[in-house]
Amino acid sequence: MASRRPKQEIGTYIGVISDTHGLLRPEAVDALAGSHLILHAGDIGKPEVLQGLAAIAPTIAVRGNNDKDTWAKTIPDQETVEIAGVSIHLLHILQELAFDPKEKGVRVVITGHSHKPSIEEQDGVLFLNPGSAGPRRFKLPIAIAQLRLNGTSVDAKIVELEV
């Protein structure tokens, strides 16, 4: 796992998105405005989605199980980044997490895949799934997440998009 260290200040606001499946909704763009960084947890769908996100803020993405085209081959399956002193691990499918995040010093694990937004803390590790911001699946909400890092404090919230 490579580690990138974007230079961010305390009070960092991170937009978290997943499962766009080629659709970057204007509501998602609006909800992500003001982010210092955007993390995409896979099933991007098209490179234009990443280009649109990069127009808002620097963007780090991982490949999802549906990102199989040539453009996606350079995108990693998993990525660990350190932002404002907080280690964040990004992957698409939670079941593919092959290590104990607490043992590795990871404070936040971000996943996608299920399209179900969730925030859960386990043994000092925050598990965040922003849900899907792409085409609606079943009756699940269309959502993104916001992650705020402030010193050692990590706060997350789900933002349902009105579409």
Protein backbone atom coordinates (compact mmCIF):
# COMPACT_ATOMS: atom_id res chain seq x y z
CA MET A 1 0.00 0.00 0.00
CA ALA A 2 1.39 3.32 -1.03
CA SER A 3 0.87 6.25 1.29
CA ARG A 4 0.28 9.74 -0.05
CA ARG A 5 0.41 12.68 2.28
CA PRO A 6 -1.60 15.64 1.00
CA LYS A 7 -0.66 18.80 2.83
CA GLN A 8 -3.76 19.72 4.79
CA GLU A 9 -4.25 21.88 7.84
CA ILE A 10 -6.04 21.10 11.08
CA GLY A 11 -9.77 21.46 10.54
CA THR A 12 -9.58 19.59 7.26
CA TYR A 13 -12.88 18.95 5.52
CA ILE A 14 -12.96 15.83 3.34
CA GLY A 15 -15.75 14.97 0.93
CA VAL A 16 -16.38 11.24 0.60
CA ILE A 17 -18.22 9.71 -2.35
CA SER A 18 -18.70 6.24 -3.76
CA ASP A 19 -20.57 4.20 -6.33
CA THR A 20 -21.09 6.99 -8.84
CA HIS A 21 -21.25 4.40 -11.66
CA GLY A 22 -20.47 7.08 -14.25
CA LEU A 23 -22.90 9.68 -12.90
CA LEU A 24 -21.62 12.82 -11.17
CA ARG A 25 -24.83 14.48 -10.03
CA PRO A 26 -24.95 18.28 -9.69
CA GLU A 27 -26.31 17.74 -6.17
CA ALA A 28 -23.15 15.79 -5.30
CA VAL A 29 -20.96 18.52 -6.77
CA ASP A 30 -22.79 21.10 -4.63
CA ALA A 31 -22.50 18.95 -1.49
CA LEU A 32 -18.75 18.45 -2.05
CA ALA A 33 -18.03 22.15 -2.66
CA GLY A 34 -15.63 23.52 -0.08
CA SER A 35 -13.86 20.19 0.44
CA HIS A 36 -10.10 20.34 0.95
CA LEU A 37 -9.88 16.81 -0.45
CA ILE A 38 -12.27 14.27 -1.99
CA LEU A 39 -12.02 10.52 -1.48
CA HIS A 40 -13.84 8.22 -3.92
CA ALA A 41 -14.37 4.66 -2.65
CA GLY A 42 -14.79 2.96 -6.01
CA ASP A 43 -17.23 2.04 -8.75
CA ILE A 44 -16.35 5.32 -10.41
CA GLY A 45 -17.74 4.32 -13.79
CA LYS A 46 -16.07 6.86 -16.07
CA PRO A 47 -12.87 8.93 -15.93
CA GLU A 48 -15.01 12.06 -16.37
CA VAL A 49 -16.32 11.53 -12.83
CA LEU A 50 -12.79 11.87 -11.45
CA GLN A 51 -12.16 14.90 -13.66
CA GLY A 52 -15.31 16.54 -12.33
CA LEU A 53 -14.32 15.81 -8.73
CA ALA A 54 -10.77 17.08 -9.32
CA ALA A 55 -12.29 20.40 -10.46
CA ILE A 56 -13.69 20.74 -6.91
CA ALA A 57 -10.67 19.56 -4.89
CA PRO A 58 -7.71 17.17 -5.10
CA THR A 59 -9.18 13.69 -5.43
CA ILE A 60 -7.93 10.27 -4.39
CA ALA A 61 -9.83 7.24 -5.65
CA VAL A 62 -9.71 3.47 -5.49
CA ARG A 63 -11.02 1.09 -8.09
CA GLY A 64 -14.32 -0.69 -7.52
CA ASN A 65 -15.39 -4.10 -8.76
CA ASN A 66 -17.10 -2.48 -11.77
CA ASP A 67 -14.13 -0.30 -12.76
CA LYS A 68 -12.68 -2.70 -15.34
CA ASP A 69 -12.02 -0.55 -18.39
CA THR A 70 -8.52 0.45 -19.49
CA TRP A 71 -8.74 3.93 -17.90
CA ALA A 72 -9.16 2.33 -14.43
CA LYS A 73 -6.12 0.03 -14.55
CA THR A 74 -3.84 2.64 -12.96
CA ILE A 75 -6.20 3.25 -10.04
CA PRO A 76 -5.26 1.19 -6.95
CA ASP A 77 -7.62 -1.31 -5.33
CA GLN A 78 -6.80 0.10 -1.89
CA GLU A 79 -5.01 3.19 -0.65
CA THR A 80 -3.83 4.44 2.72
CA VAL A 81 -3.41 8.19 3.10
CA GLU A 82 -2.38 10.30 6.04
CA ILE A 83 -4.21 13.59 6.29
CA ALA A 84 -3.63 16.06 9.10
CA GLY A 85 -1.99 13.28 11.11
CA VAL A 86 -4.94 10.87 10.65
CA SER A 87 -4.42 7.60 8.78
CA ILE A 88 -7.30 6.76 6.44
CA HIS A 89 -7.64 3.52 4.49
CA LEU A 90 -9.78 3.55 1.38
CA LEU A 91 -11.13 0.45 -0.39
CA HIS A 92 -14.30 -0.52 -2.19
CA ILE A 93 -15.40 -3.74 -0.50
CA LEU A 94 -15.06 -3.93 3.29
CA GLN A 95 -14.72 -7.72 3.20
CA GLU A 96 -11.46 -7.26 1.28
CA LEU A 97 -9.81 -5.47 4.21
CA ALA A 98 -6.97 -7.89 4.90
CA PHE A 99 -5.49 -6.34 8.06
CA ASP A 100 -6.54 -5.09 11.48
CA PRO A 101 -6.78 -1.31 11.03
CA LYS A 102 -6.20 -0.61 14.72
CA GLU A 103 -2.95 -2.61 14.69
CA LYS A 104 -1.76 -0.64 11.64
CA GLY A 105 -2.67 2.72 13.21
CA VAL A 106 -5.51 3.37 10.79
CA ARG A 107 -8.14 5.65 12.36
CA VAL A 108 -10.70 5.66 9.51
CA VAL A 109 -11.70 2.96 7.01
CA ILE A 110 -13.77 4.18 4.06
CA THR A 111 -15.63 1.73 1.84
CA GLY A 112 -18.42 1.68 -0.72
CA HIS A 113 -20.01 -1.20 -2.65
CA SER A 114 -23.15 -1.81 -0.56
CA HIS A 115 -24.78 1.51 -1.55
CA LYS A 116 -25.91 1.72 2.10
CA PRO A 117 -24.62 4.77 3.95
CA SER A 118 -23.26 3.98 7.40
CA ILE A 119 -21.04 5.32 10.15
CA GLU A 120 -19.83 2.90 12.80
CA GLU A 121 -17.03 3.07 15.32
CA GLN A 122 -15.39 -0.19 16.37
CA ASP A 123 -12.49 -0.37 18.79
CA GLY A 124 -11.41 3.19 18.06
CA VAL A 125 -11.65 2.84 14.26
CA LEU A 126 -14.31 4.76 12.35
CA PHE A 127 -15.86 2.75 9.50
CA LEU A 128 -17.53 5.03 6.96
CA ASN A 129 -19.57 4.13 3.90
CA PRO A 130 -20.94 7.22 2.14
CA GLY A 131 -23.54 5.20 0.27
CA SER A 132 -24.11 5.70 -3.44
CA ALA A 133 -24.13 9.03 -5.24
CA GLY A 134 -24.85 7.40 -8.60
CA PRO A 135 -27.97 5.81 -10.05
CA ARG A 136 -30.51 4.83 -7.41
CA ARG A 137 -30.44 1.19 -6.34
CA PHE A 138 -33.57 -0.27 -4.78
CA LYS A 139 -34.96 2.26 -2.28
CA LEU A 140 -31.58 3.24 -0.87
CA PRO A 141 -30.83 6.95 -0.47
CA ILE A 142 -28.54 8.88 -2.79
CA ALA A 143 -25.80 10.17 -0.50
CA ILE A 144 -22.27 11.34 0.11
CA ALA A 145 -20.40 11.76 3.39
CA GLN A 146 -18.46 14.57 5.00
CA LEU A 147 -15.45 13.86 7.17
CA ARG A 148 -13.99 16.56 9.41
CA LEU A 149 -10.52 16.15 10.89
CA ASN A 150 -9.61 18.51 13.71
CA GLY A 151 -6.50 17.51 15.61
CA THR A 152 -7.17 14.03 16.93
CA SER A 153 -10.94 14.46 16.50
CA VAL A 154 -12.63 12.72 13.57
CA ASP A 155 -16.29 13.44 12.84
CA ALA A 156 -18.35 12.04 10.00
CA LYS A 157 -21.85 12.65 8.75
CA ILE A 158 -23.95 11.29 5.93
CA VAL A 159 -25.53 13.84 3.61
CA GLU A 160 -28.55 12.58 1.70
CA LEU A 161 -28.90 14.31 -1.65
CA GLU A 162 -32.28 15.58 -2.79
CA VAL A 163 -32.55 14.31 -6.36
